Amino acid sequence: HNLTDPALHDTPIHVIAARWGFPRAAEFSRA
């Protein structure tokens, strides 16, 4: 949902992932 939120368009994906409990970007991408 955050990835489709226009207000968060400029927020890096790894930051969004960390907010939702995925501190490792690669793990988040695979999941």
PDB file of all heavy atoms in Angstrom:
ATOM      1  N   HIS A   1       0.833  -1.209   0.000  1.00  0.00           N
ATOM      2  CA  HIS A   1       0.000   0.000   0.000  1.00  0.00           C
ATOM      3  C   HIS A   1       0.866   1.256   0.000  1.00  0.00           C
ATOM      4  O   HIS A   1       0.557   2.234  -0.679  1.00  0.00           O
ATOM      5  CB  HIS A   1      -0.936  -0.003   1.216  1.00  0.00           C
ATOM      6  CG  HIS A   1      -2.175  -0.811   1.005  1.00  0.00           C
ATOM      7  ND1 HIS A   1      -3.252  -0.349   0.283  1.00  0.00           N
ATOM      8  CD2 HIS A   1      -2.505  -2.066   1.401  1.00  0.00           C
ATOM      9  CE1 HIS A   1      -4.191  -1.270   0.255  1.00  0.00           C
ATOM     10  NE2 HIS A   1      -3.765  -2.330   0.921  1.00  0.00           N
ATOM     11  N   ASN A   2       1.963   1.235   0.754  1.00  0.00           N
ATOM     12  CA  ASN A   2       2.863   2.399   0.771  1.00  0.00           C
ATOM     13  C   ASN A   2       3.486   2.647  -0.593  1.00  0.00           C
ATOM     14  O   ASN A   2       3.692   3.798  -1.007  1.00  0.00           O
ATOM     15  CB  ASN A   2       3.968   2.202   1.799  1.00  0.00           C
ATOM     16  CG  ASN A   2       3.530   2.523   3.216  1.00  0.00           C
ATOM     17  OD1 ASN A   2       4.328   2.452   4.142  1.00  0.00           O
ATOM     18  ND2 ASN A   2       2.265   2.861   3.425  1.00  0.00           N
ATOM     19  N   LEU A   3       3.788   1.582  -1.309  1.00  0.00           N
ATOM     20  CA  LEU A   3       4.406   1.732  -2.630  1.00  0.00           C
ATOM     21  C   LEU A   3       3.463   2.391  -3.631  1.00  0.00           C
ATOM     22  O   LEU A   3       3.917   2.980  -4.612  1.00  0.00           O
ATOM     23  CB  LEU A   3       4.853   0.364  -3.160  1.00  0.00           C
ATOM     24  CG  LEU A   3       6.065  -0.273  -2.463  1.00  0.00           C
ATOM     25  CD1 LEU A   3       6.288  -1.683  -2.977  1.00  0.00           C
ATOM     26  CD2 LEU A   3       7.315   0.574  -2.666  1.00  0.00           C
ATOM     27  N   THR A   4       2.179   2.304  -3.405  1.00  0.00           N
ATOM     28  CA  THR A   4       1.206   2.921  -4.321  1.00  0.00           C
ATOM     29  C   THR A   4       0.669   4.240  -3.788  1.00  0.00           C
ATOM     30  O   THR A   4      -0.233   4.819  -4.389  1.00  0.00           O
ATOM     31  CB  THR A   4       0.019   1.964  -4.570  1.00  0.00           C
ATOM     32  OG1 THR A   4      -0.655   1.696  -3.333  1.00  0.00           O
ATOM     33  CG2 THR A   4       0.498   0.653  -5.166  1.00  0.00           C
ATOM     34  N   ASP A   5       1.234   4.720  -2.680  1.00  0.00           N
ATOM     35  CA  ASP A   5       0.776   5.968  -2.078  1.00  0.00           C
ATOM     36  C   ASP A   5       1.527   7.136  -2.724  1.00  0.00           C
ATOM     37  O   ASP A   5       2.749   7.245  -2.590  1.00  0.00           O
ATOM     38  CB  ASP A   5       1.047   5.933  -0.572  1.00  0.00           C
ATOM     39  CG  ASP A   5       0.473   7.153   0.153  1.00  0.00           C
ATOM     40  OD1 ASP A   5       0.114   8.148  -0.515  1.00  0.00           O
ATOM     41  OD2 ASP A   5       0.396   7.107   1.400  1.00  0.00           O
ATOM     42  N   PRO A   6       0.813   8.026  -3.431  1.00  0.00           N
ATOM     43  CA  PRO A   6       1.500   9.151  -4.085  1.00  0.00           C
ATOM     44  C   PRO A   6       2.306   9.999  -3.111  1.00  0.00           C
ATOM     45  O   PRO A   6       3.343  10.561  -3.476  1.00  0.00           O
ATOM     46  CB  PRO A   6       0.347   9.956  -4.692  1.00  0.00           C
ATOM     47  CG  PRO A   6      -0.767   8.967  -4.865  1.00  0.00           C
ATOM     48  CD  PRO A   6      -0.633   8.027  -3.711  1.00  0.00           C
ATOM     49  N   ALA A   7       1.859  10.097  -1.870  1.00  0.00           N
ATOM     50  CA  ALA A   7       2.571  10.910  -0.884  1.00  0.00           C
ATOM     51  C   ALA A   7       3.929  10.324  -0.529  1.00  0.00           C
ATOM     52  O   ALA A   7       4.799  11.023  -0.005  1.00  0.00           O
ATOM     53  CB  ALA A   7       1.718  11.071   0.373  1.00  0.00           C
ATOM     54  N   LEU A   8       4.132   9.025  -0.818  1.00  0.00           N
ATOM     55  CA  LEU A   8       5.404   8.363  -0.495  1.00  0.00           C
ATOM     56  C   LEU A   8       6.202   8.030  -1.756  1.00  0.00           C
ATOM     57  O   LEU A   8       7.128   7.213  -1.704  1.00  0.00           O
ATOM     58  CB  LEU A   8       5.122   7.078   0.298  1.00  0.00           C
ATOM     59  CG  LEU A   8       4.420   7.258   1.641  1.00  0.00           C
ATOM     60  CD1 LEU A   8       4.110   5.906   2.264  1.00  0.00           C
ATOM     61  CD2 LEU A   8       5.266   8.093   2.594  1.00  0.00           C
ATOM     62  N   HIS A   9       5.856   8.689  -2.849  1.00  0.00           N
ATOM     63  CA  HIS A   9       6.478   8.362  -4.131  1.00  0.00           C
ATOM     64  C   HIS A   9       8.000   8.535  -4.096  1.00  0.00           C
ATOM     65  O   HIS A   9       8.734   7.773  -4.745  1.00  0.00           O
ATOM     66  CB  HIS A   9       5.882   9.247  -5.238  1.00  0.00           C
ATOM     67  CG  HIS A   9       6.493   9.018  -6.584  1.00  0.00           C
ATOM     68  ND1 HIS A   9       6.221   7.899  -7.348  1.00  0.00           N
ATOM     69  CD2 HIS A   9       7.388   9.760  -7.306  1.00  0.00           C
ATOM     70  CE1 HIS A   9       6.897   7.957  -8.474  1.00  0.00           C
ATOM     71  NE2 HIS A   9       7.611   9.069  -8.485  1.00  0.00           N
ATOM     72  N   ASP A  10       8.486   9.525  -3.359  1.00  0.00           N
ATOM     73  CA  ASP A  10       9.927   9.797  -3.310  1.00  0.00           C
ATOM     74  C   ASP A  10      10.634   9.088  -2.158  1.00  0.00           C
ATOM     75  O   ASP A  10      11.851   9.240  -1.984  1.00  0.00           O
ATOM     76  CB  ASP A  10      10.167  11.303  -3.201  1.00  0.00           C
ATOM     77  CG  ASP A  10       9.689  12.053  -4.445  1.00  0.00           C
ATOM     78  OD1 ASP A  10       9.777  11.478  -5.550  1.00  0.00           O
ATOM     79  OD2 ASP A  10       9.206  13.197  -4.299  1.00  0.00           O
ATOM     80  N   THR A  11       9.903   8.333  -1.358  1.00  0.00           N
ATOM     81  CA  THR A  11      10.526   7.595  -0.258  1.00  0.00           C
ATOM     82  C   THR A  11      11.204   6.355  -0.809  1.00  0.00           C
ATOM     83  O   THR A  11      10.567   5.551  -1.507  1.00  0.00           O
ATOM     84  CB  THR A  11       9.466   7.175   0.784  1.00  0.00           C
ATOM     85  OG1 THR A  11       8.788   8.333   1.261  1.00  0.00           O
ATOM     86  CG2 THR A  11      10.118   6.441   1.945  1.00  0.00           C
ATOM     87  N   PRO A  12      12.489   6.164  -0.534  1.00  0.00           N
ATOM     88  CA  PRO A  12      13.191   4.986  -1.055  1.00  0.00           C
ATOM     89  C   PRO A  12      12.512   3.689  -0.627  1.00  0.00           C
ATOM     90  O   PRO A  12      11.974   3.581   0.481  1.00  0.00           O
ATOM     91  CB  PRO A  12      14.595   5.113  -0.443  1.00  0.00           C
ATOM     92  CG  PRO A  12      14.756   6.577  -0.175  1.00  0.00           C
ATOM     93  CD  PRO A  12      13.389   7.066   0.216  1.00  0.00           C
ATOM     94  N   ILE A  13      12.554   2.709  -1.506  1.00  0.00           N
ATOM     95  CA  ILE A  13      11.889   1.439  -1.228  1.00  0.00           C
ATOM     96  C   ILE A  13      12.480   0.771   0.012  1.00  0.00           C
ATOM     97  O   ILE A  13      11.742   0.192   0.819  1.00  0.00           O
ATOM     98  CB  ILE A  13      11.991   0.511  -2.455  1.00  0.00           C
ATOM     99  CG1 ILE A  13      11.122   1.056  -3.585  1.00  0.00           C
ATOM    100  CG2 ILE A  13      11.573  -0.911  -2.098  1.00  0.00           C
ATOM    101  CD1 ILE A  13      11.238   0.285  -4.882  1.00  0.00           C
ATOM    102  N   HIS A  14      13.804   0.883   0.204  1.00  0.00           N
ATOM    103  CA  HIS A  14      14.394   0.231   1.368  1.00  0.00           C
ATOM    104  C   HIS A  14      13.919   0.869   2.678  1.00  0.00           C
ATOM    105  O   HIS A  14      13.848   0.207   3.717  1.00  0.00           O
ATOM    106  CB  HIS A  14      15.925   0.227   1.283  1.00  0.00           C
ATOM    107  CG  HIS A  14      16.558   1.561   1.523  1.00  0.00           C
ATOM    108  ND1 HIS A  14      16.761   2.481   0.504  1.00  0.00           N
ATOM    109  CD2 HIS A  14      17.010   2.160   2.666  1.00  0.00           C
ATOM    110  CE1 HIS A  14      17.326   3.567   1.015  1.00  0.00           C
ATOM    111  NE2 HIS A  14      17.489   3.406   2.316  1.00  0.00           N
ATOM    112  N   VAL A  15      13.573   2.159   2.632  1.00  0.00           N
ATOM    113  CA  VAL A  15      13.049   2.828   3.832  1.00  0.00           C
ATOM    114  C   VAL A  15      11.648   2.306   4.145  1.00  0.00           C
ATOM    115  O   VAL A  15      11.319   2.020   5.308  1.00  0.00           O
ATOM    116  CB  VAL A  15      13.028   4.360   3.628  1.00  0.00           C
ATOM    117  CG1 VAL A  15      12.326   5.046   4.793  1.00  0.00           C
ATOM    118  CG2 VAL A  15      14.455   4.880   3.475  1.00  0.00           C
ATOM    119  N   ILE A  16      10.826   2.180   3.100  1.00  0.00           N
ATOM    120  CA  ILE A  16       9.485   1.619   3.299  1.00  0.00           C
ATOM    121  C   ILE A  16       9.588   0.195   3.837  1.00  0.00           C
ATOM    122  O   ILE A  16       8.878  -0.191   4.776  1.00  0.00           O
ATOM    123  CB  ILE A  16       8.692   1.653   1.975  1.00  0.00           C
ATOM    124  CG1 ILE A  16       8.346   3.096   1.610  1.00  0.00           C
ATOM    125  CG2 ILE A  16       7.430   0.799   2.072  1.00  0.00           C
ATOM    126  CD1 ILE A  16       7.666   3.249   0.270  1.00  0.00           C
ATOM    127  N   ALA A  17      10.495  -0.578   3.257  1.00  0.00           N
ATOM    128  CA  ALA A  17      10.657  -1.964   3.704  1.00  0.00           C
ATOM    129  C   ALA A  17      11.044  -2.028   5.176  1.00  0.00           C
ATOM    130  O   ALA A  17      10.490  -2.830   5.952  1.00  0.00           O
ATOM    131  CB  ALA A  17      11.708  -2.657   2.844  1.00  0.00           C
ATOM    132  N   ALA A  18      11.986  -1.175   5.583  1.00  0.00           N
ATOM    133  CA  ALA A  18      12.436  -1.182   6.979  1.00  0.00           C
ATOM    134  C   ALA A  18      11.301  -0.806   7.931  1.00  0.00           C
ATOM    135  O   ALA A  18      11.196  -1.369   9.031  1.00  0.00           O
ATOM    136  CB  ALA A  18      13.612  -0.228   7.144  1.00  0.00           C
ATOM    137  N   ARG A  19      10.454   0.143   7.508  1.00  0.00           N
ATOM    138  CA  ARG A  19       9.322   0.542   8.349  1.00  0.00           C
ATOM    139  C   ARG A  19       8.385  -0.628   8.619  1.00  0.00           C
ATOM    140  O   ARG A  19       7.711  -0.669   9.642  1.00  0.00           O
ATOM    141  CB  ARG A  19       8.539   1.670   7.670  1.00  0.00           C
ATOM    142  CG  ARG A  19       9.246   3.015   7.658  1.00  0.00           C
ATOM    143  CD  ARG A  19       8.424   4.011   6.863  1.00  0.00           C
ATOM    144  NE  ARG A  19       9.066   5.322   6.794  1.00  0.00           N
ATOM    145  CZ  ARG A  19       8.638   6.321   6.030  1.00  0.00           C
ATOM    146  NH1 ARG A  19       7.549   6.155   5.280  1.00  0.00           N
ATOM    147  NH2 ARG A  19       9.269   7.472   6.017  1.00  0.00           N
ATOM    148  N   TRP A  20       8.310  -1.552   7.667  1.00  0.00           N
ATOM    149  CA  TRP A  20       7.383  -2.674   7.800  1.00  0.00           C
ATOM    150  C   TRP A  20       8.086  -3.957   8.248  1.00  0.00           C
ATOM    151  O   TRP A  20       7.557  -5.059   8.035  1.00  0.00           O
ATOM    152  CB  TRP A  20       6.650  -2.886   6.482  1.00  0.00           C
ATOM    153  CG  TRP A  20       5.645  -1.805   6.223  1.00  0.00           C
ATOM    154  CD1 TRP A  20       5.781  -0.705   5.433  1.00  0.00           C
ATOM    155  CD2 TRP A  20       4.351  -1.711   6.815  1.00  0.00           C
ATOM    156  NE1 TRP A  20       4.650   0.072   5.494  1.00  0.00           N
ATOM    157  CE2 TRP A  20       3.753  -0.524   6.326  1.00  0.00           C
ATOM    158  CE3 TRP A  20       3.621  -2.505   7.708  1.00  0.00           C
ATOM    159  CZ2 TRP A  20       2.473  -0.110   6.704  1.00  0.00           C
ATOM    160  CZ3 TRP A  20       2.352  -2.111   8.080  1.00  0.00           C
ATOM    161  CH2 TRP A  20       1.791  -0.928   7.579  1.00  0.00           C
ATOM    162  N   GLY A  21       9.242  -3.791   8.866  1.00  0.00           N
ATOM    163  CA  GLY A  21       9.868  -4.954   9.483  1.00  0.00           C
ATOM    164  C   GLY A  21      10.774  -5.758   8.583  1.00  0.00           C
ATOM    165  O   GLY A  21      11.068  -6.921   8.876  1.00  0.00           O
ATOM    166  N   PHE A  22      11.240  -5.154   7.474  1.00  0.00           N
ATOM    167  CA  PHE A  22      12.179  -5.830   6.571  1.00  0.00           C
ATOM    168  C   PHE A  22      13.470  -5.002   6.502  1.00  0.00           C
ATOM    169  O   PHE A  22      13.651  -4.184   5.602  1.00  0.00           O
ATOM    170  CB  PHE A  22      11.583  -5.971   5.167  1.00  0.00           C
ATOM    171  CG  PHE A  22      10.385  -6.873   5.098  1.00  0.00           C
ATOM    172  CD1 PHE A  22       9.098  -6.337   5.150  1.00  0.00           C
ATOM    173  CD2 PHE A  22      10.533  -8.244   4.975  1.00  0.00           C
ATOM    174  CE1 PHE A  22       7.990  -7.156   5.079  1.00  0.00           C
ATOM    175  CE2 PHE A  22       9.418  -9.078   4.903  1.00  0.00           C
ATOM    176  CZ  PHE A  22       8.147  -8.528   4.967  1.00  0.00           C
ATOM    177  N   PRO A  23      14.383  -5.185   7.448  1.00  0.00           N
ATOM    178  CA  PRO A  23      15.594  -4.353   7.489  1.00  0.00           C
ATOM    179  C   PRO A  23      16.557  -4.641   6.350  1.00  0.00           C
ATOM    180  O   PRO A  23      17.400  -3.807   6.034  1.00  0.00           O
ATOM    181  CB  PRO A  23      16.218  -4.703   8.842  1.00  0.00           C
ATOM    182  CG  PRO A  23      15.696  -6.072   9.158  1.00  0.00           C
ATOM    183  CD  PRO A  23      14.323  -6.135   8.573  1.00  0.00           C
ATOM    184  N   ARG A  24      16.455  -5.814   5.716  1.00  0.00           N
ATOM    185  CA  ARG A  24      17.368  -6.161   4.615  1.00  0.00           C
ATOM    186  C   ARG A  24      16.611  -6.062   3.295  1.00  0.00           C
ATOM    187  O   ARG A  24      15.627  -6.790   3.065  1.00  0.00           O
ATOM    188  CB  ARG A  24      17.942  -7.565   4.823  1.00  0.00           C
ATOM    189  CG  ARG A  24      18.932  -7.614   5.995  1.00  0.00           C
ATOM    190  CD  ARG A  24      19.445  -9.025   6.233  1.00  0.00           C
ATOM    191  NE  ARG A  24      18.398  -9.888   6.776  1.00  0.00           N
ATOM    192  CZ  ARG A  24      18.074  -9.943   8.060  1.00  0.00           C
ATOM    193  NH1 ARG A  24      18.711  -9.169   8.938  1.00  0.00           N
ATOM    194  NH2 ARG A  24      17.126 -10.755   8.476  1.00  0.00           N
ATOM    195  N   ALA A  25      17.072  -5.167   2.430  1.00  0.00           N
ATOM    196  CA  ALA A  25      16.384  -4.882   1.178  1.00  0.00           C
ATOM    197  C   ALA A  25      16.243  -6.117   0.296  1.00  0.00           C
ATOM    198  O   ALA A  25      15.199  -6.330  -0.336  1.00  0.00           O
ATOM    199  CB  ALA A  25      17.106  -3.774   0.421  1.00  0.00           C
ATOM    200  N   ALA A  26      17.282  -6.935   0.238  1.00  0.00           N
ATOM    201  CA  ALA A  26      17.243  -8.117  -0.623  1.00  0.00           C
ATOM    202  C   ALA A  26      16.175  -9.101  -0.151  1.00  0.00           C
ATOM    203  O   ALA A  26      15.449  -9.692  -0.957  1.00  0.00           O
ATOM    204  CB  ALA A  26      18.612  -8.788  -0.654  1.00  0.00           C
ATOM    205  N   GLU A  27      16.080  -9.268   1.158  1.00  0.00           N
ATOM    206  CA  GLU A  27      15.061 -10.166   1.714  1.00  0.00           C
ATOM    207  C   GLU A  27      13.660  -9.655   1.387  1.00  0.00           C
ATOM    208  O   GLU A  27      12.766 -10.421   1.010  1.00  0.00           O
ATOM    209  CB  GLU A  27      15.231 -10.278   3.228  1.00  0.00           C
ATOM    210  CG  GLU A  27      14.165 -11.144   3.891  1.00  0.00           C
ATOM    211  CD  GLU A  27      14.199 -11.060   5.405  1.00  0.00           C
ATOM    212  OE1 GLU A  27      15.180 -10.491   5.952  1.00  0.00           O
ATOM    213  OE2 GLU A  27      13.231 -11.529   6.035  1.00  0.00           O
ATOM    214  N   PHE A  28      13.477  -8.322   1.514  1.00  0.00           N
ATOM    215  CA  PHE A  28      12.173  -7.744   1.201  1.00  0.00           C
ATOM    216  C   PHE A  28      11.834  -7.947  -0.280  1.00  0.00           C
ATOM    217  O   PHE A  28      10.705  -8.321  -0.620  1.00  0.00           O
ATOM    218  CB  PHE A  28      12.176  -6.254   1.529  1.00  0.00           C
ATOM    219  CG  PHE A  28      10.949  -5.530   1.043  1.00  0.00           C
ATOM    220  CD1 PHE A  28       9.702  -5.778   1.617  1.00  0.00           C
ATOM    221  CD2 PHE A  28      11.024  -4.609  -0.001  1.00  0.00           C
ATOM    222  CE1 PHE A  28       8.565  -5.124   1.164  1.00  0.00           C
ATOM    223  CE2 PHE A  28       9.902  -3.940  -0.451  1.00  0.00           C
ATOM    224  CZ  PHE A  28       8.658  -4.208   0.130  1.00  0.00           C
ATOM    225  N   SER A  29      12.804  -7.722  -1.154  1.00  0.00           N
ATOM    226  CA  SER A  29      12.551  -7.866  -2.581  1.00  0.00           C
ATOM    227  C   SER A  29      12.143  -9.293  -2.926  1.00  0.00           C
ATOM    228  O   SER A  29      11.196  -9.514  -3.704  1.00  0.00           O
ATOM    229  CB  SER A  29      13.798  -7.470  -3.378  1.00  0.00           C
ATOM    230  OG  SER A  29      13.536  -7.527  -4.757  1.00  0.00           O
ATOM    231  N   ARG A  30      12.821 -10.273  -2.342  1.00  0.00           N
ATOM    232  CA  ARG A  30      12.477 -11.678  -2.612  1.00  0.00           C
ATOM    233  C   ARG A  30      11.073 -12.002  -2.100  1.00  0.00           C
ATOM    234  O   ARG A  30      10.277 -12.642  -2.798  1.00  0.00           O
ATOM    235  CB  ARG A  30      13.507 -12.607  -1.959  1.00  0.00           C
ATOM    236  CG  ARG A  30      14.853 -12.658  -2.664  1.00  0.00           C
ATOM    237  CD  ARG A  30      15.666 -13.842  -2.163  1.00  0.00           C
ATOM    238  NE  ARG A  30      15.919 -13.761  -0.720  1.00  0.00           N
ATOM    239  CZ  ARG A  30      16.964 -13.136  -0.187  1.00  0.00           C
ATOM    240  NH1 ARG A  30      17.865 -12.539  -0.985  1.00  0.00           N
ATOM    241  NH2 ARG A  30      17.139 -13.118   1.116  1.00  0.00           N
ATOM    242  N   ALA A  31      10.768 -11.554  -0.878  1.00  0.00           N
ATOM    243  CA  ALA A  31       9.452 -11.847  -0.295  1.00  0.00           C
ATOM    244  C   ALA A  31       8.343 -11.158  -1.081  1.00  0.00           C
ATOM    245  O   ALA A  31       7.279 -11.737  -1.320  1.00  0.00           O
ATOM    246  CB  ALA A  31       9.432 -11.395   1.165  1.00  0.00           C
TER     247      ALA A  31
END
